[in-house]
C-alpha atoms as a PDB file:
ATOM      1  CA  MET A   1    -137.815 191.995  44.482  1.00  0.00           C
ATOM      2  CA  PRO A   2    -137.296 190.569  47.986  1.00  0.00           C
ATOM      3  CA  PRO A   3    -138.777 192.567  50.888  1.00  0.00           C
ATOM      4  CA  GLU A   4    -136.716 195.412  52.320  1.00  0.00           C
ATOM      5  CA  THR A   5    -134.504 194.262  55.196  1.00  0.00           C
ATOM      6  CA  LEU A   6    -132.682 196.096  57.965  1.00  0.00           C
ATOM      7  CA  ASP A   7    -128.914 196.124  58.462  1.00  0.00           C
ATOM      8  CA  PHE A   8    -128.967 193.570  61.272  1.00  0.00           C
ATOM      9  CA  GLU A   9    -131.238 191.289  59.203  1.00  0.00           C
ATOM     10  CA  GLU A  10    -128.420 190.248  56.845  1.00  0.00           C
ATOM     11  CA  PRO A  11    -128.940 186.496  57.529  1.00  0.00           C
ATOM     12  CA  ILE A  12    -132.628 186.945  56.644  1.00  0.00           C
ATOM     13  CA  ALA A  13    -131.746 188.884  53.483  1.00  0.00           C
ATOM     14  CA  ALA A  14    -129.493 186.059  52.304  1.00  0.00           C
ATOM     15  CA  VAL A  15    -132.300 183.487  52.569  1.00  0.00           C
ATOM     16  CA  LEU A  16    -134.789 185.836  50.895  1.00  0.00           C
ATOM     17  CA  LYS A  17    -132.397 186.275  47.956  1.00  0.00           C
ATOM     18  CA  GLU A  18    -132.136 182.508  47.550  1.00  0.00           C
ATOM     19  CA  ILE A  19    -135.928 182.189  47.547  1.00  0.00           C
ATOM     20  CA  GLU A  20    -136.232 185.038  45.044  1.00  0.00           C
ATOM     21  CA  ALA A  21    -133.679 183.391  42.735  1.00  0.00           C
ATOM     22  CA  LEU A  22    -135.545 180.075  42.843  1.00  0.00           C
ATOM     23  CA  ASN A  23    -138.843 181.807  42.099  1.00  0.00           C
ATOM     24  CA  GLN A  24    -137.349 182.974  38.800  1.00  0.00           C
ATOM     25  CA  LEU A  25    -136.759 179.382  37.661  1.00  0.00           C
ATOM     26  CA  PRO A  26    -139.345 177.212  35.878  1.00  0.00           C
ATOM     27  CA  ALA A  27    -141.706 175.456  38.297  1.00  0.00           C
ATOM     28  CA  THR A  28    -140.650 171.900  39.129  1.00  0.00           C
ATOM     29  CA  ASP A  29    -141.204 169.604  42.081  1.00  0.00           C
ATOM     30  CA  ALA A  30    -137.540 169.870  43.026  1.00  0.00           C
ATOM     31  CA  ARG A  31    -137.672 173.685  42.927  1.00  0.00           C
ATOM     32  CA  ASP A  32    -140.832 173.764  45.040  1.00  0.00           C
ATOM     33  CA  ARG A  33    -139.277 171.431  47.632  1.00  0.00           C
ATOM     34  CA  GLU A  34    -136.199 173.647  47.809  1.00  0.00           C
ATOM     35  CA  ILE A  35    -138.357 176.749  48.293  1.00  0.00           C
ATOM     36  CA  GLU A  36    -140.321 175.025  51.084  1.00  0.00           C
ATOM     37  CA  SER A  37    -137.039 174.102  52.774  1.00  0.00           C
ATOM     38  CA  LEU A  38    -135.808 177.690  52.511  1.00  0.00           C
ATOM     39  CA  GLN A  39    -139.112 178.996  53.893  1.00  0.00           C
ATOM     40  CA  ARG A  40    -138.668 176.790  56.971  1.00  0.00           C
ATOM     41  CA  ARG A  41    -135.093 177.992  57.293  1.00  0.00           C
ATOM     42  CA  LEU A  42    -136.298 181.604  56.988  1.00  0.00           C
ATOM     43  CA  VAL A  43    -138.685 181.146  59.921  1.00  0.00           C
ATOM     44  CA  SER A  44    -135.895 179.597  61.996  1.00  0.00           C
ATOM     45  CA  VAL A  45    -133.411 182.378  61.191  1.00  0.00           C
ATOM     46  CA  ARG A  46    -135.976 185.089  61.940  1.00  0.00           C
ATOM     47  CA  SER A  47    -136.940 183.413  65.202  1.00  0.00           C
ATOM     48  CA  ASP A  48    -133.319 183.177  66.386  1.00  0.00           C
ATOM     49  CA  LEU A  49    -132.549 186.758  65.369  1.00  0.00           C
ATOM     50  CA  TYR A  50    -135.632 188.301  66.973  1.00  0.00           C
ATOM     51  CA  LYS A  51    -135.249 186.446  70.278  1.00  0.00           C
ATOM     52  CA  SER A  52    -132.489 188.782  71.412  1.00  0.00           C
ATOM     53  CA  LEU A  53    -132.995 192.183  69.790  1.00  0.00           C
ATOM     54  CA  THR A  54    -131.077 195.060  71.327  1.00  0.00           C
ATOM     55  CA  PRO A  55    -132.971 198.281  72.138  1.00  0.00           C
ATOM     56  CA  TRP A  56    -131.427 199.981  69.088  1.00  0.00           C
ATOM     57  CA  GLN A  57    -132.483 197.113  66.836  1.00  0.00           C
ATOM     58  CA  ARG A  58    -136.034 197.502  68.180  1.00  0.00           C
ATOM     59  CA  VAL A  59    -135.852 201.175  67.230  1.00  0.00           C
ATOM     60  CA  LEU A  60    -135.002 200.154  63.658  1.00  0.00           C
ATOM     61  CA  VAL A  61    -137.850 197.630  63.585  1.00  0.00           C
ATOM     62  CA  ALA A  62    -140.312 200.236  64.917  1.00  0.00           C
ATOM     63  CA  ARG A  63    -139.272 202.570  62.088  1.00  0.00           C
ATOM     64  CA  HIS A  64    -139.418 199.962  59.307  1.00  0.00           C
ATOM     65  CA  PRO A  65    -141.080 201.502  56.223  1.00  0.00           C
ATOM     66  CA  ASN A  66    -143.245 198.414  55.703  1.00  0.00           C
ATOM     67  CA  ARG A  67    -144.592 198.362  59.251  1.00  0.00           C
ATOM     68  CA  PRO A  68    -148.435 198.445  59.233  1.00  0.00           C
ATOM     69  CA  GLY A  69    -149.728 201.964  59.826  1.00  0.00           C
ATOM     70  CA  LEU A  70    -153.051 203.590  60.616  1.00  0.00           C
ATOM     71  CA  GLY A  71    -154.312 203.125  57.043  1.00  0.00           C
ATOM     72  CA  ASP A  72    -153.726 199.368  57.265  1.00  0.00           C
ATOM     73  CA  PHE A  73    -155.593 199.128  60.569  1.00  0.00           C
ATOM     74  CA  ILE A  74    -158.506 201.168  59.217  1.00  0.00           C
ATOM     75  CA  GLU A  75    -158.731 198.992  56.119  1.00  0.00           C
ATOM     76  CA  ARG A  76    -158.581 195.625  57.883  1.00  0.00           C
ATOM     77  CA  LEU A  77    -160.040 196.154  61.352  1.00  0.00           C
ATOM     78  CA  PHE A  78    -162.718 198.829  60.962  1.00  0.00           C
ATOM     79  CA  THR A  79    -165.667 199.510  58.694  1.00  0.00           C
ATOM     80  CA  GLY A  80    -167.475 202.638  57.578  1.00  0.00           C
ATOM     81  CA  PHE A  81    -164.630 205.028  58.351  1.00  0.00           C
ATOM     82  CA  THR A  82    -165.689 208.668  57.929  1.00  0.00           C
ATOM     83  CA  GLU A  83    -162.836 211.136  58.325  1.00  0.00           C
ATOM     84  CA  ILE A  84    -163.126 214.374  60.292  1.00  0.00           C
ATOM     85  CA  HIS A  85    -161.110 217.287  58.916  1.00  0.00           C
ATOM     86  CA  GLY A  86    -159.750 220.485  60.436  1.00  0.00           C
ATOM     87  CA  ASP A  87    -159.467 222.060  63.868  1.00  0.00           C
ATOM     88  CA  ARG A  88    -162.013 224.854  63.125  1.00  0.00           C
ATOM     89  CA  ARG A  89    -159.264 227.365  63.944  1.00  0.00           C
ATOM     90  CA  TYR A  90    -156.453 227.167  61.425  1.00  0.00           C
ATOM     91  CA  ALA A  91    -156.079 224.148  59.121  1.00  0.00           C
ATOM     92  CA  ASP A  92    -156.355 220.401  58.610  1.00  0.00           C
ATOM     93  CA  ASP A  93    -153.177 218.641  59.760  1.00  0.00           C
ATOM     94  CA  HIS A  94    -152.559 215.571  57.585  1.00  0.00           C
ATOM     95  CA  ALA A  95    -150.064 214.056  60.057  1.00  0.00           C
ATOM     96  CA  LEU A  96    -152.982 213.207  62.353  1.00  0.00           C
ATOM     97  CA  MET A  97    -156.049 211.420  61.008  1.00  0.00           C
ATOM     98  CA  THR A  98    -159.320 210.974  62.867  1.00  0.00           C
ATOM     99  CA  GLY A  99    -162.861 209.897  62.133  1.00  0.00           C
ATOM    100  CA  PHE A 100    -165.780 207.710  63.138  1.00  0.00           C
ATOM    101  CA  ALA A 101    -165.896 204.008  62.266  1.00  0.00           C
ATOM    102  CA  ASP A 102    -167.294 200.684  63.476  1.00  0.00           C
ATOM    103  CA  PHE A 103    -165.257 198.006  65.249  1.00  0.00           C
ATOM    104  CA  LYS A 104    -167.075 194.661  65.293  1.00  0.00           C
ATOM    105  CA  GLY A 105    -170.370 196.525  65.085  1.00  0.00           C
ATOM    106  CA  GLN A 106    -169.527 199.031  67.825  1.00  0.00           C
ATOM    107  CA  PRO A 107    -169.237 202.712  66.820  1.00  0.00           C
ATOM    108  CA  VAL A 108    -165.857 204.182  67.824  1.00  0.00           C
ATOM    109  CA  LEU A 109    -163.727 207.238  67.151  1.00  0.00           C
ATOM    110  CA  LEU A 110    -160.410 206.426  65.483  1.00  0.00           C
ATOM    111  CA  LEU A 111    -157.387 208.662  65.926  1.00  0.00           C
ATOM    112  CA  GLY A 112    -153.760 208.269  64.944  1.00  0.00           C
ATOM    113  CA  HIS A 113    -150.606 209.457  63.253  1.00  0.00           C
ATOM    114  CA  VAL A 114    -149.958 208.867  59.550  1.00  0.00           C
ATOM    115  CA  LYS A 115    -146.401 208.797  58.171  1.00  0.00           C
ATOM    116  CA  GLY A 116    -147.095 207.893  54.534  1.00  0.00           C
ATOM    117  CA  SER A 117    -145.670 205.049  52.450  1.00  0.00           C
ATOM    118  CA  ASP A 118    -143.953 206.721  49.479  1.00  0.00           C
ATOM    119  CA  THR A 119    -142.188 210.056  49.053  1.00  0.00           C
ATOM    120  CA  LYS A 120    -145.295 211.938  47.924  1.00  0.00           C
ATOM    121  CA  GLU A 121    -147.369 210.619  50.832  1.00  0.00           C
ATOM    122  CA  LYS A 122    -144.609 211.249  53.364  1.00  0.00           C
ATOM    123  CA  ILE A 123    -144.398 214.895  52.338  1.00  0.00           C
ATOM    124  CA  PHE A 124    -148.187 215.233  52.394  1.00  0.00           C
ATOM    125  CA  HIS A 125    -148.357 213.759  55.906  1.00  0.00           C
ATOM    126  CA  ASN A 126    -145.234 215.628  57.082  1.00  0.00           C
ATOM    127  CA  PHE A 127    -143.571 212.291  57.928  1.00  0.00           C
ATOM    128  CA  GLY A 128    -145.950 211.883  60.881  1.00  0.00           C
ATOM    129  CA  TYR A 129    -144.816 215.093  62.629  1.00  0.00           C
ATOM    130  CA  ALA A 130    -148.065 216.704  63.821  1.00  0.00           C
ATOM    131  CA  ARG A 131    -148.485 220.464  64.183  1.00  0.00           C
ATOM    132  CA  PRO A 132    -150.635 222.191  66.841  1.00  0.00           C
ATOM    133  CA  GLU A 133    -153.700 222.170  64.582  1.00  0.00           C
ATOM    134  CA  GLY A 134    -153.431 218.377  64.507  1.00  0.00           C
ATOM    135  CA  TYR A 135    -153.724 218.097  68.273  1.00  0.00           C
ATOM    136  CA  ARG A 136    -156.601 220.580  68.288  1.00  0.00           C
ATOM    137  CA  LYS A 137    -158.355 218.587  65.560  1.00  0.00           C
ATOM    138  CA  ALA A 138    -157.862 215.461  67.669  1.00  0.00           C
ATOM    139  CA  MET A 139    -159.444 217.061  70.711  1.00  0.00           C
ATOM    140  CA  ARG A 140    -162.352 218.430  68.638  1.00  0.00           C
ATOM    141  CA  ALA A 141    -163.027 214.900  67.405  1.00  0.00           C
ATOM    142  CA  MET A 142    -162.725 213.408  70.883  1.00  0.00           C
ATOM    143  CA  ARG A 143    -165.267 215.910  72.173  1.00  0.00           C
ATOM    144  CA  LEU A 144    -167.658 214.611  69.498  1.00  0.00           C
ATOM    145  CA  ALA A 145    -166.975 211.063  70.663  1.00  0.00           C
ATOM    146  CA  GLU A 146    -167.783 212.118  74.213  1.00  0.00           C
ATOM    147  CA  LYS A 147    -171.007 213.793  73.054  1.00  0.00           C
ATOM    148  CA  PHE A 148    -172.192 210.662  71.242  1.00  0.00           C
ATOM    149  CA  SER A 149    -170.883 208.212  73.896  1.00  0.00           C
ATOM    150  CA  ARG A 150    -168.373 206.515  71.617  1.00  0.00           C
ATOM    151  CA  PRO A 151    -165.098 204.913  72.763  1.00  0.00           C
ATOM    152  CA  VAL A 152    -161.853 206.358  71.409  1.00  0.00           C
ATOM    153  CA  VAL A 153    -159.186 204.122  69.831  1.00  0.00           C
ATOM    154  CA  VAL A 154    -155.790 205.768  69.342  1.00  0.00           C
ATOM    155  CA  PHE A 155    -152.831 204.564  67.244  1.00  0.00           C
ATOM    156  CA  VAL A 156    -149.553 206.299  68.116  1.00  0.00           C
ATOM    157  CA  ASP A 157    -146.737 206.334  65.545  1.00  0.00           C
ATOM    158  CA  THR A 158    -144.689 209.532  65.361  1.00  0.00           C
ATOM    159  CA  PRO A 159    -141.045 210.548  65.806  1.00  0.00           C
ATOM    160  CA  ALA A 160    -142.202 213.707  67.666  1.00  0.00           C
ATOM    161  CA  ALA A 161    -144.382 216.786  67.298  1.00  0.00           C
ATOM    162  CA  TYR A 162    -143.248 219.061  64.475  1.00  0.00           C
ATOM    163  CA  PRO A 163    -140.478 221.339  65.874  1.00  0.00           C
ATOM    164  CA  GLY A 164    -140.583 224.043  63.155  1.00  0.00           C
ATOM    165  CA  ILE A 165    -140.926 227.716  63.975  1.00  0.00           C
ATOM    166  CA  GLU A 166    -144.494 227.921  62.629  1.00  0.00           C
ATOM    167  CA  SER A 167    -145.450 225.093  64.973  1.00  0.00           C
ATOM    168  CA  GLU A 168    -144.050 227.052  67.910  1.00  0.00           C
ATOM    169  CA  GLU A 169    -145.768 230.240  66.734  1.00  0.00           C
ATOM    170  CA  ARG A 170    -149.149 228.502  66.704  1.00  0.00           C
ATOM    171  CA  GLY A 171    -148.652 227.049  70.188  1.00  0.00           C
ATOM    172  CA  VAL A 172    -147.738 223.388  69.865  1.00  0.00           C
ATOM    173  CA  ALA A 173    -146.764 223.109  73.544  1.00  0.00           C
ATOM    174  CA  GLU A 174    -150.083 224.597  74.638  1.00  0.00           C
ATOM    175  CA  ALA A 175    -152.032 222.322  72.265  1.00  0.00           C
ATOM    176  CA  ILE A 176    -150.338 219.211  73.673  1.00  0.00           C
ATOM    177  CA  ALA A 177    -150.803 220.422  77.262  1.00  0.00           C
ATOM    178  CA  VAL A 178    -154.524 221.014  76.690  1.00  0.00           C
ATOM    179  CA  ASN A 179    -154.877 217.509  75.254  1.00  0.00           C
ATOM    180  CA  LEU A 180    -153.120 216.003  78.271  1.00  0.00           C
ATOM    181  CA  ARG A 181    -155.521 217.803  80.595  1.00  0.00           C
ATOM    182  CA  ASP A 182    -158.702 217.230  78.608  1.00  0.00           C
ATOM    183  CA  MET A 183    -158.052 213.578  77.720  1.00  0.00           C
ATOM    184  CA  MET A 184    -157.606 212.883  81.432  1.00  0.00           C
ATOM    185  CA  LEU A 185    -161.174 214.151  81.991  1.00  0.00           C
ATOM    186  CA  LEU A 186    -162.806 212.923  78.767  1.00  0.00           C
ATOM    187  CA  ASP A 187    -165.915 210.884  79.606  1.00  0.00           C
ATOM    188  CA  SER A 188    -165.354 208.240  76.950  1.00  0.00           C
ATOM    189  CA  PRO A 189    -163.423 204.971  77.174  1.00  0.00           C
ATOM    190  CA  ILE A 190    -159.957 205.486  75.620  1.00  0.00           C
ATOM    191  CA  VAL A 191    -157.659 202.704  74.408  1.00  0.00           C
ATOM    192  CA  VAL A 192    -154.209 203.750  73.207  1.00  0.00           C
ATOM    193  CA  ILE A 193    -151.990 201.524  71.047  1.00  0.00           C
ATOM    194  CA  VAL A 194    -148.348 202.474  70.488  1.00  0.00           C
ATOM    195  CA  SER A 195    -147.966 200.800  67.099  1.00  0.00           C
ATOM    196  CA  GLY A 196    -144.596 202.134  65.917  1.00  0.00           C
ATOM    197  CA  GLU A 197    -142.659 205.096  67.279  1.00  0.00           C
ATOM    198  CA  GLY A 198    -143.990 206.754  70.399  1.00  0.00           C
ATOM    199  CA  GLY A 199    -141.862 209.868  70.266  1.00  0.00           C
ATOM    200  CA  SER A 200    -141.866 212.531  72.986  1.00  0.00           C
ATOM    201  CA  GLY A 201    -144.785 214.953  73.482  1.00  0.00           C
ATOM    202  CA  GLY A 202    -145.834 214.296  69.904  1.00  0.00           C
ATOM    203  CA  ALA A 203    -146.951 210.861  71.050  1.00  0.00           C
ATOM    204  CA  LEU A 204    -148.185 211.790  74.519  1.00  0.00           C
ATOM    205  CA  GLY A 205    -150.446 214.513  73.099  1.00  0.00           C
ATOM    206  CA  ILE A 206    -152.913 211.777  72.081  1.00  0.00           C
ATOM    207  CA  ALA A 207    -151.779 208.966  74.398  1.00  0.00           C
ATOM    208  CA  VAL A 208    -153.687 209.496  77.656  1.00  0.00           C
ATOM    209  CA  GLY A 209    -156.052 206.570  78.038  1.00  0.00           C
ATOM    210  CA  ASP A 210    -157.685 203.978  80.256  1.00  0.00           C
ATOM    211  CA  ALA A 211    -155.451 201.306  78.740  1.00  0.00           C
ATOM    212  CA  VAL A 212    -152.133 201.941  77.009  1.00  0.00           C
ATOM    213  CA  LEU A 213    -151.080 199.010  74.847  1.00  0.00           C
ATOM    214  CA  MET A 214    -147.855 198.617  72.926  1.00  0.00           C
ATOM    215  CA  GLN A 215    -146.846 196.340  70.093  1.00  0.00           C
ATOM    216  CA  GLU A 216    -143.943 194.072  70.929  1.00  0.00           C
ATOM    217  CA  HIS A 217    -141.319 195.834  68.814  1.00  0.00           C
ATOM    218  CA  ALA A 218    -142.646 199.382  69.085  1.00  0.00           C
ATOM    219  CA  ILE A 219    -140.794 202.066  71.076  1.00  0.00           C
ATOM    220  CA  TYR A 220    -142.044 204.771  73.450  1.00  0.00           C
ATOM    221  CA  SER A 221    -139.716 207.428  74.782  1.00  0.00           C
ATOM    222  CA  VAL A 222    -139.328 211.013  75.926  1.00  0.00           C
ATOM    223  CA  ILE A 223    -136.835 211.626  73.098  1.00  0.00           C
ATOM    224  CA  PRO A 224    -135.427 209.716  70.096  1.00  0.00           C
ATOM    225  CA  PRO A 225    -132.067 208.005  70.768  1.00  0.00           C
ATOM    226  CA  GLU A 226    -130.263 210.282  68.297  1.00  0.00           C
ATOM    227  CA  GLY A 227    -131.517 213.411  70.073  1.00  0.00           C
ATOM    228  CA  CYS A 228    -130.646 211.991  73.480  1.00  0.00           C
ATOM    229  CA  ALA A 229    -127.119 211.147  72.319  1.00  0.00           C
ATOM    230  CA  ALA A 230    -126.635 214.608  70.839  1.00  0.00           C
ATOM    231  CA  ILE A 231    -127.651 216.240  74.135  1.00  0.00           C
ATOM    232  CA  LEU A 232    -125.859 213.967  76.608  1.00  0.00           C
ATOM    233  CA  TRP A 233    -122.711 213.076  74.683  1.00  0.00           C
ATOM    234  CA  ARG A 234    -122.668 215.758  71.973  1.00  0.00           C
ATOM    235  CA  ASP A 235    -122.372 212.817  69.613  1.00  0.00           C
ATOM    236  CA  ALA A 236    -125.317 211.388  67.649  1.00  0.00           C
ATOM    237  CA  ASN A 237    -123.258 208.236  67.021  1.00  0.00           C
ATOM    238  CA  LYS A 238    -123.897 207.289  70.652  1.00  0.00           C
ATOM    239  CA  LYS A 239    -127.481 206.456  69.662  1.00  0.00           C
ATOM    240  CA  VAL A 240    -127.011 202.759  70.498  1.00  0.00           C
ATOM    241  CA  GLU A 241    -125.991 203.586  74.065  1.00  0.00           C
ATOM    242  CA  ALA A 242    -128.822 206.127  74.296  1.00  0.00           C
ATOM    243  CA  ALA A 243    -131.409 203.549  73.192  1.00  0.00           C
ATOM    244  CA  GLU A 244    -130.216 201.244  75.964  1.00  0.00           C
ATOM    245  CA  ALA A 245    -130.328 203.982  78.607  1.00  0.00           C
ATOM    246  CA  LEU A 246    -133.758 205.315  77.631  1.00  0.00           C
ATOM    247  CA  LYS A 247    -135.569 202.045  78.484  1.00  0.00           C
ATOM    248  CA  LEU A 248    -137.848 202.575  75.491  1.00  0.00           C
ATOM    249  CA  THR A 249    -138.800 198.971  74.720  1.00  0.00           C
ATOM    250  CA  ALA A 250    -142.147 197.359  75.506  1.00  0.00           C
ATOM    251  CA  PRO A 251    -140.768 194.992  78.214  1.00  0.00           C
ATOM    252  CA  ASP A 252    -139.017 197.905  79.969  1.00  0.00           C
ATOM    253  CA  LEU A 253    -142.127 200.074  79.897  1.00  0.00           C
ATOM    254  CA  LEU A 254    -144.390 197.255  81.077  1.00  0.00           C
ATOM    255  CA  LYS A 255    -142.056 196.684  84.035  1.00  0.00           C
ATOM    256  CA  ALA A 256    -142.139 200.408  84.884  1.00  0.00           C
ATOM    257  CA  GLY A 257    -145.942 200.558  84.698  1.00  0.00           C
ATOM    258  CA  ILE A 258    -145.986 203.039  81.805  1.00  0.00           C
ATOM    259  CA  ILE A 259    -147.970 200.662  79.601  1.00  0.00           C
ATOM    260  CA  ASP A 260    -150.564 198.071  80.555  1.00  0.00           C
ATOM    261  CA  ARG A 261    -150.093 195.294  78.026  1.00  0.00           C
ATOM    262  CA  VAL A 262    -147.782 194.167  75.221  1.00  0.00           C
ATOM    263  CA  ILE A 263    -149.352 193.066  71.933  1.00  0.00           C
ATOM    264  CA  PRO A 264    -147.322 190.200  70.396  1.00  0.00           C
ATOM    265  CA  GLU A 265    -145.900 190.478  66.895  1.00  0.00           C
ATOM    266  CA  PRO A 266    -145.243 187.640  64.439  1.00  0.00           C
ATOM    267  CA  VAL A 267    -141.763 186.182  64.073  1.00  0.00           C
ATOM    268  CA  GLY A 268    -139.639 188.745  62.249  1.00  0.00           C
ATOM    269  CA  GLY A 269    -141.644 191.775  63.347  1.00  0.00           C
ATOM    270  CA  ALA A 270    -144.845 193.423  62.138  1.00  0.00           C
ATOM    271  CA  HIS A 271    -143.371 194.247  58.727  1.00  0.00           C
ATOM    272  CA  ALA A 272    -142.698 190.559  58.041  1.00  0.00           C
ATOM    273  CA  ASP A 273    -146.364 189.534  58.300  1.00  0.00           C
ATOM    274  CA  PRO A 274    -148.861 192.440  58.383  1.00  0.00           C
ATOM    275  CA  ASP A 275    -151.883 190.105  58.340  1.00  0.00           C
ATOM    276  CA  ALA A 276    -150.758 188.249  61.471  1.00  0.00           C
ATOM    277  CA  THR A 277    -149.826 191.555  63.108  1.00  0.00           C
ATOM    278  CA  ILE A 278    -153.290 192.999  62.580  1.00  0.00           C
ATOM    279  CA  ALA A 279    -154.873 189.770  63.814  1.00  0.00           C
ATOM    280  CA  PHE A 280    -152.926 190.092  67.084  1.00  0.00           C
ATOM    281  CA  VAL A 281    -154.054 193.699  67.470  1.00  0.00           C
ATOM    282  CA  ASP A 282    -157.637 192.713  66.666  1.00  0.00           C
ATOM    283  CA  GLY A 283    -157.830 190.158  69.453  1.00  0.00           C
ATOM    284  CA  VAL A 284    -156.219 192.298  72.146  1.00  0.00           C
ATOM    285  CA  LEU A 285    -158.144 195.450  71.207  1.00  0.00           C
ATOM    286  CA  ASP A 286    -161.441 193.565  71.325  1.00  0.00           C
ATOM    287  CA  ASP A 287    -160.737 192.283  74.842  1.00  0.00           C
ATOM    288  CA  VAL A 288    -159.439 195.579  76.240  1.00  0.00           C
ATOM    289  CA  LEU A 289    -162.142 197.738  74.655  1.00  0.00           C
ATOM    290  CA  ARG A 290    -164.842 195.530  76.162  1.00  0.00           C
ATOM    291  CA  GLU A 291    -163.130 195.712  79.544  1.00  0.00           C
ATOM    292  CA  VAL A 292    -162.798 199.500  79.756  1.00  0.00           C
ATOM    293  CA  SER A 293    -166.227 200.126  78.201  1.00  0.00           C
ATOM    294  CA  ALA A 294    -167.875 197.986  80.882  1.00  0.00           C
ATOM    295  CA  LEU A 295    -166.563 200.214  83.690  1.00  0.00           C
ATOM    296  CA  ASP A 296    -168.771 202.813  85.330  1.00  0.00           C
ATOM    297  CA  SER A 297    -167.834 206.318  84.172  1.00  0.00           C
ATOM    298  CA  GLU A 298    -166.701 207.545  87.600  1.00  0.00           C
ATOM    299  CA  VAL A 299    -164.640 204.424  88.237  1.00  0.00           C
ATOM    300  CA  ARG A 300    -163.032 204.608  84.800  1.00  0.00           C
ATOM    301  CA  LEU A 301    -162.053 208.268  85.180  1.00  0.00           C
ATOM    302  CA  ALA A 302    -160.680 207.692  88.693  1.00  0.00           C
ATOM    303  CA  ARG A 303    -158.581 204.741  87.483  1.00  0.00           C
ATOM    304  CA  ARG A 304    -157.296 206.763  84.531  1.00  0.00           C
ATOM    305  CA  TYR A 305    -156.256 209.610  86.827  1.00  0.00           C
ATOM    306  CA  ASP A 306    -154.575 207.289  89.332  1.00  0.00           C
ATOM    307  CA  LYS A 307    -152.764 205.423  86.561  1.00  0.00           C
ATOM    308  CA  PHE A 308    -150.975 208.516  85.311  1.00  0.00           C
ATOM    309  CA  ARG A 309    -150.475 210.117  88.759  1.00  0.00           C
ATOM    310  CA  ASN A 310    -148.647 206.996  89.949  1.00  0.00           C
ATOM    311  CA  MET A 311    -146.217 206.872  87.033  1.00  0.00           C
ATOM    312  CA  GLY A 312    -142.637 207.395  88.153  1.00  0.00           C
ATOM    313  CA  LYS A 313    -143.230 206.547  91.801  1.00  0.00           C
ATOM    314  CA  LEU A 314    -141.695 203.124  91.385  1.00  0.00           C
ATOM    315  CA  GLY A 315    -138.233 204.547  90.738  1.00  0.00           C
ATOM    316  CA  VAL A 316    -137.132 201.280  89.101  1.00  0.00           C
ATOM    317  CA  ASP A 317    -134.134 202.721  87.303  1.00  0.00           C
ATOM    318  CA  PHE A 318    -133.209 205.516  89.698  1.00  0.00           C
ATOM    319  CA  VAL A 319    -131.853 203.504  92.616  1.00  0.00           C
ATOM    320  CA  ASP A 320    -128.092 203.120  92.602  1.00  0.00           C
ATOM    321  CA  GLU A 321    -127.011 199.522  92.719  1.00  0.00           C
ATOM    322  CA  GLY A 322    -125.274 198.546  95.910  1.00  0.00           C
ATOM    323  CA  THR A 323    -126.985 201.135  98.116  1.00  0.00           C
ATOM    324  CA  SER A 324    -129.145 200.119 101.022  1.00  0.00           C
END
């Protein structure tokens, strides 16, 4: 079967179907030449389509079910991963995974959201919606990283923190607030990568770092477009307009100083070529991790504090056009 495509990728789907049909035919030189021609056409179509994605289309790409997740990064970028379970208070939240591993020979703490790939996994991981025990587990692990002088590498990919009543009863707001405070003061280098959806406090609860990176077609926002549309217009169908207004794309956030660097994705998005995607992340993470790890502890903590204190001062999108 051809790979799953999004609604706006109809031109890509048509070429993929042609390639799939040819692959079912007996192998001949003529067939192979036709497939090569279609492969070149596929690259061209993808390139043209992805040059001018709208914010809503980027939301769809960020949510693509085949987008590489934390498990893919662990498997291909890190070695010797040893998972840490439980918050020592209530339970082990499967929506957030953490553990020690090695990155190019350097011991690090890995932390990130897990959405799951099939129905069984998605239910097990609660679709990436972390509960308060997940954030407390994350902080417990980060304290271990601080104790053993290990950098922290975070992968953010969640629609939001879990909004259920049991999550509220166990103090999800307090758990996120504590993480915001304690990550700001954590004496370990922290590199954050927004790899898919960076949704609301569910993302920010593990996203305070010395460097905040973002994949090219990921999103990072205070609220999902559907929720924003439901609140502002009382109409979830206004999600396209909401995505535009939220300024949730990587270029918008880089301009506003919310993130520090954009990690390129291959033509057609991360889901089109996971190997190339992970190679891009590998190179950028290596550079940035070396950079922040080389800083003196006091300098690093001061820069981290200043980085987040200065957010919002620019006022890029809050000045009315035409005013002096």
